[in-house]
Protein backbone atom coordinates (compact mmCIF):
# COMPACT_ATOMS: atom_id res chain seq x y z
CA MET A 1 -41.22 -27.89 95.73
CA THR A 2 -44.36 -29.68 94.54
CA THR A 3 -43.74 -28.44 90.99
CA THR A 4 -40.22 -29.88 91.08
CA THR A 5 -41.54 -33.21 92.34
CA LYS A 6 -44.19 -33.33 89.60
CA LYS A 7 -41.62 -32.38 86.96
CA ASN A 8 -39.25 -35.12 88.14
CA ASN A 9 -42.13 -37.62 88.14
CA ILE A 10 -43.04 -36.70 84.56
CA GLU A 11 -39.42 -37.05 83.48
CA GLU A 12 -39.23 -40.43 85.18
CA GLN A 13 -42.40 -41.55 83.40
CA LYS A 14 -40.97 -40.38 80.05
CA ASN A 15 -37.79 -42.34 80.70
CA ASP A 16 -39.82 -45.44 81.62
CA LEU A 17 -41.83 -45.15 78.39
CA ARG A 18 -38.67 -44.76 76.32
CA GLU A 19 -37.17 -47.83 77.96
CA MET A 20 -40.37 -49.81 77.35
CA ALA A 21 -40.41 -48.72 73.69
CA SER A 22 -36.82 -49.89 73.28
CA LEU A 23 -37.61 -53.25 74.83
CA LEU A 24 -40.69 -53.70 72.64
CA LYS A 25 -38.63 -52.97 69.51
CA GLU A 26 -36.29 -55.82 70.44
CA MET A 27 -39.05 -58.35 71.22
CA SER A 28 -40.24 -60.93 68.75
CA LYS A 29 -43.87 -60.96 67.63
CA GLU A 30 -44.60 -63.89 69.96
CA GLU A 31 -42.96 -62.14 72.91
CA LYS A 32 -45.02 -59.01 72.23
CA GLU A 33 -48.21 -61.08 72.13
CA ASN A 34 -47.34 -62.76 75.44
CA PHE A 35 -46.52 -59.39 76.97
CA LYS A 36 -49.86 -58.00 75.82
CA TYR A 37 -51.75 -60.81 77.55
CA PHE A 38 -49.62 -60.42 80.66
CA MET A 39 -50.45 -56.69 80.84
CA LYS A 40 -54.16 -57.43 80.34
CA GLY A 41 -53.97 -59.84 83.26
CA MET A 42 -52.24 -57.24 85.40
CA ASN A 43 -54.98 -54.72 84.58
CA LEU A 44 -57.66 -57.23 85.54
CA MET A 45 -55.92 -57.91 88.84
CA ALA A 46 -55.72 -54.17 89.56
CA GLU A 47 -59.44 -53.79 88.80
CA LEU A 48 -60.28 -56.71 91.10
CA MET A 49 -58.21 -55.22 93.91
CA THR A 50 -59.97 -51.86 93.46
CA ALA A 51 -63.38 -53.55 93.46
CA GLU A 52 -62.56 -55.48 96.63
CA LYS A 53 -61.45 -52.30 98.40
CA ALA A 54 -64.66 -50.55 97.31
CA GLY A 55 -66.62 -53.23 99.02
């Protein structure tokens, strides 16, 4: 059962990556640049949340 769940999760992640790749292909250079900065900001927020939880 766990193996099936992991397999489905991996397939879901693959599908998400394919969808993201398709979207990135359609974006303009400016949109890609904005997206890159947005993702960096999201990563910083995640790190801050982790640091706050750690104490």
